[in-house]
């Protein structure tokens, strides 16, 4: 099962990279299976890759928070 999650993450990463029009939420299809695979296998390299990728994935989701009240929270999370 852990290898299957890793292969799903790899396939989703290829589709995300080669996709013409991808949405910000599509990067979750890479980070979630990669996190499950890294957690199940326990490899430090996979865990560090997941941490690196999830930081950028969460930062790319911030434009989806449109209201001014939420914008303060959005920028205080990354300050």
N, C-alpha and C. Protein backbone atom coordinates (compact mmCIF):
# COMPACT_ATOMS: atom_id res chain seq x y z
N UNK A 1 0.80 -1.22 0.00
CA UNK A 1 0.00 0.00 0.00
C UNK A 1 0.84 1.27 0.00
N UNK A 2 1.99 1.25 0.68
CA UNK A 2 2.81 2.46 0.73
C UNK A 2 3.43 2.75 -0.62
N UNK A 3 3.82 1.71 -1.36
CA UNK A 3 4.37 1.93 -2.70
C UNK A 3 3.30 2.43 -3.65
N UNK A 4 2.07 1.96 -3.48
CA UNK A 4 0.98 2.42 -4.32
C UNK A 4 0.75 3.91 -4.12
N UNK A 5 0.79 4.38 -2.87
CA UNK A 5 0.64 5.81 -2.60
C UNK A 5 1.78 6.61 -3.22
N UNK A 6 2.97 6.07 -3.17
CA UNK A 6 4.12 6.74 -3.78
C UNK A 6 3.98 6.84 -5.29
N UNK A 7 3.52 5.75 -5.91
CA UNK A 7 3.32 5.79 -7.35
C UNK A 7 2.17 6.71 -7.75
N UNK A 8 1.13 6.77 -6.93
CA UNK A 8 0.04 7.73 -7.18
C UNK A 8 0.55 9.16 -7.09
N UNK A 9 1.40 9.43 -6.11
CA UNK A 9 1.98 10.77 -5.98
C UNK A 9 2.85 11.10 -7.17
N UNK A 10 3.64 10.15 -7.65
CA UNK A 10 4.50 10.38 -8.80
C UNK A 10 3.67 10.64 -10.06
N UNK A 11 2.65 9.84 -10.27
CA UNK A 11 1.78 10.05 -11.42
C UNK A 11 1.05 11.38 -11.36
N UNK A 12 0.59 11.75 -10.19
CA UNK A 12 -0.09 13.05 -10.04
C UNK A 12 0.88 14.20 -10.24
N UNK A 13 2.13 14.03 -9.80
CA UNK A 13 3.13 15.09 -10.00
C UNK A 13 3.42 15.27 -11.48
N UNK A 14 3.50 14.18 -12.23
CA UNK A 14 3.72 14.28 -13.68
C UNK A 14 2.54 14.95 -14.36
N UNK A 15 1.34 14.59 -13.97
CA UNK A 15 0.15 15.21 -14.57
C UNK A 15 0.06 16.68 -14.19
N UNK A 16 0.44 17.02 -12.96
CA UNK A 16 0.40 18.40 -12.52
C UNK A 16 1.43 19.24 -13.26
N UNK A 17 2.61 18.67 -13.48
CA UNK A 17 3.67 19.40 -14.17
C UNK A 17 3.36 19.58 -15.65
N UNK A 18 2.83 18.56 -16.28
CA UNK A 18 2.57 18.62 -17.71
C UNK A 18 1.19 19.16 -18.05
N UNK A 19 0.37 19.43 -17.05
CA UNK A 19 -0.98 19.90 -17.32
C UNK A 19 -1.00 21.32 -17.87
N UNK A 20 -1.89 21.55 -18.83
CA UNK A 20 -1.99 22.87 -19.42
C UNK A 20 -2.67 23.84 -18.46
N UNK A 21 -3.78 23.44 -17.89
CA UNK A 21 -4.50 24.30 -16.95
C UNK A 21 -4.79 23.47 -15.70
N UNK A 22 -4.05 23.74 -14.66
CA UNK A 22 -4.28 23.04 -13.40
C UNK A 22 -4.70 24.05 -12.35
N UNK A 23 -5.50 23.59 -11.44
CA UNK A 23 -5.99 24.44 -10.37
C UNK A 23 -5.05 24.33 -9.18
N UNK A 24 -5.11 25.29 -8.28
CA UNK A 24 -4.23 25.29 -7.12
C UNK A 24 -4.46 24.05 -6.25
N UNK A 25 -5.70 23.59 -6.22
CA UNK A 25 -6.02 22.44 -5.38
C UNK A 25 -5.50 21.13 -5.96
N UNK A 26 -5.05 21.14 -7.21
CA UNK A 26 -4.55 19.91 -7.82
C UNK A 26 -3.24 19.47 -7.20
N UNK A 27 -2.51 20.38 -6.58
CA UNK A 27 -1.25 19.99 -5.94
C UNK A 27 -1.51 19.13 -4.70
N UNK A 28 -2.71 19.17 -4.17
CA UNK A 28 -3.06 18.29 -3.05
C UNK A 28 -3.07 16.83 -3.47
N UNK A 29 -3.31 16.57 -4.75
CA UNK A 29 -3.28 15.20 -5.26
C UNK A 29 -1.85 14.66 -5.29
N UNK A 30 -0.86 15.54 -5.13
CA UNK A 30 0.53 15.12 -5.04
C UNK A 30 0.95 15.01 -3.57
N UNK A 31 0.61 16.00 -2.78
CA UNK A 31 1.12 16.06 -1.41
C UNK A 31 0.46 15.02 -0.49
N UNK A 32 -0.81 14.76 -0.66
CA UNK A 32 -1.48 13.82 0.24
C UNK A 32 -0.98 12.38 0.08
N UNK A 33 -0.92 11.83 -1.16
CA UNK A 33 -0.36 10.47 -1.27
C UNK A 33 1.12 10.40 -0.91
N UNK A 34 1.85 11.47 -1.19
CA UNK A 34 3.27 11.49 -0.83
C UNK A 34 3.44 11.48 0.68
N UNK A 35 2.59 12.19 1.39
CA UNK A 35 2.64 12.19 2.85
C UNK A 35 2.31 10.83 3.43
N UNK A 36 1.30 10.17 2.87
CA UNK A 36 0.94 8.83 3.35
C UNK A 36 2.07 7.85 3.09
N UNK A 37 2.66 7.92 1.90
CA UNK A 37 3.77 7.04 1.56
C UNK A 37 4.98 7.30 2.44
N UNK A 38 5.30 8.56 2.66
CA UNK A 38 6.46 8.90 3.51
C UNK A 38 6.23 8.46 4.94
N UNK A 39 5.01 8.60 5.43
CA UNK A 39 4.71 8.19 6.79
C UNK A 39 4.76 6.67 6.95
N UNK A 40 4.23 5.95 5.96
CA UNK A 40 4.21 4.50 6.05
C UNK A 40 5.60 3.89 5.89
N UNK A 41 6.41 4.45 4.98
CA UNK A 41 7.75 3.91 4.77
C UNK A 41 8.75 4.42 5.80
N UNK A 42 8.55 5.63 6.28
CA UNK A 42 9.43 6.20 7.29
C UNK A 42 10.77 6.68 6.78
N UNK A 43 10.88 6.91 5.47
CA UNK A 43 12.14 7.42 4.91
C UNK A 43 12.29 8.90 5.23
N UNK A 44 13.47 9.28 5.72
CA UNK A 44 13.70 10.69 6.05
C UNK A 44 13.72 11.56 4.80
N UNK A 45 14.21 11.02 3.67
CA UNK A 45 14.23 11.80 2.44
C UNK A 45 12.82 12.09 1.95
N UNK A 46 11.95 11.10 2.01
CA UNK A 46 10.56 11.33 1.60
C UNK A 46 9.85 12.29 2.55
N UNK A 47 10.14 12.17 3.83
CA UNK A 47 9.52 13.08 4.80
C UNK A 47 9.97 14.52 4.57
N UNK A 48 11.25 14.73 4.28
CA UNK A 48 11.72 16.09 4.03
C UNK A 48 11.18 16.62 2.71
N UNK A 49 11.06 15.75 1.70
CA UNK A 49 10.46 16.18 0.43
C UNK A 49 9.00 16.55 0.63
N UNK A 50 8.29 15.77 1.43
CA UNK A 50 6.88 16.08 1.69
C UNK A 50 6.74 17.40 2.44
N UNK A 51 7.60 17.64 3.40
CA UNK A 51 7.54 18.91 4.12
C UNK A 51 7.80 20.08 3.19
N UNK A 52 8.82 19.97 2.35
CA UNK A 52 9.16 21.02 1.39
C UNK A 52 8.00 21.28 0.43
N UNK A 53 7.44 20.21 -0.11
CA UNK A 53 6.36 20.35 -1.09
C UNK A 53 5.07 20.85 -0.44
N UNK A 54 4.79 20.43 0.78
CA UNK A 54 3.55 20.85 1.42
C UNK A 54 3.58 22.33 1.81
N UNK A 55 4.76 22.87 2.12
CA UNK A 55 4.84 24.31 2.41
C UNK A 55 4.47 25.11 1.17
N UNK A 56 5.01 24.74 0.03
CA UNK A 56 4.67 25.45 -1.20
C UNK A 56 3.24 25.19 -1.64
N UNK A 57 2.73 23.99 -1.37
CA UNK A 57 1.35 23.69 -1.72
C UNK A 57 0.39 24.54 -0.89
N UNK A 58 0.66 24.67 0.40
CA UNK A 58 -0.22 25.50 1.24
C UNK A 58 -0.10 26.96 0.85
N UNK A 59 1.08 27.41 0.49
CA UNK A 59 1.24 28.79 0.07
C UNK A 59 0.50 29.06 -1.25
N UNK A 60 0.46 28.07 -2.13
CA UNK A 60 -0.27 28.25 -3.39
C UNK A 60 -1.78 28.26 -3.19
N UNK A 61 -2.27 27.71 -2.07
CA UNK A 61 -3.70 27.72 -1.80
C UNK A 61 -4.18 29.03 -1.17
N UNK A 62 -3.26 29.88 -0.74
CA UNK A 62 -3.66 31.12 -0.07
C UNK A 62 -4.50 32.06 -0.93
N UNK A 63 -4.29 32.16 -2.26
CA UNK A 63 -5.17 33.04 -3.04
C UNK A 63 -6.64 32.61 -3.04
N UNK A 64 -6.93 31.40 -2.61
CA UNK A 64 -8.31 30.95 -2.57
C UNK A 64 -9.06 31.50 -1.36
N UNK A 65 -8.37 32.23 -0.48
CA UNK A 65 -8.99 32.87 0.68
C UNK A 65 -9.20 34.34 0.31
N UNK A 66 -10.39 34.72 -0.16
CA UNK A 66 -10.55 36.04 -0.77
C UNK A 66 -10.95 37.19 0.16
N UNK A 67 -11.59 36.94 1.28
CA UNK A 67 -12.16 38.05 2.04
C UNK A 67 -11.08 38.77 2.85
N UNK A 68 -11.26 40.08 3.09
CA UNK A 68 -10.24 40.84 3.83
C UNK A 68 -10.05 40.36 5.27
N UNK A 69 -11.10 39.90 5.91
CA UNK A 69 -10.95 39.40 7.27
C UNK A 69 -10.08 38.16 7.34
N UNK A 70 -10.17 37.33 6.33
CA UNK A 70 -9.35 36.13 6.29
C UNK A 70 -7.94 36.41 5.78
N UNK A 71 -7.77 37.52 5.07
CA UNK A 71 -6.45 37.85 4.53
C UNK A 71 -5.45 38.12 5.64
N UNK A 72 -5.90 38.75 6.73
CA UNK A 72 -4.98 38.98 7.86
C UNK A 72 -4.50 37.65 8.43
N UNK A 73 -5.40 36.72 8.58
CA UNK A 73 -5.03 35.39 9.07
C UNK A 73 -4.10 34.69 8.08
N UNK A 74 -4.41 34.87 6.80
CA UNK A 74 -3.62 34.23 5.76
C UNK A 74 -2.17 34.71 5.81
N UNK A 75 -1.96 36.00 5.92
CA UNK A 75 -0.58 36.52 5.92
C UNK A 75 0.11 36.37 7.26
N UNK A 76 -0.66 36.28 8.34
CA UNK A 76 -0.01 36.08 9.63
C UNK A 76 0.50 34.65 9.79
N UNK A 77 -0.07 33.71 9.04
CA UNK A 77 0.41 32.34 9.09
C UNK A 77 1.82 32.22 8.50
N UNK A 78 2.13 33.02 7.51
CA UNK A 78 3.43 32.94 6.85
C UNK A 78 4.36 34.08 7.21
N UNK A 79 4.02 34.84 8.25
CA UNK A 79 4.90 35.94 8.65
C UNK A 79 5.94 35.48 9.63
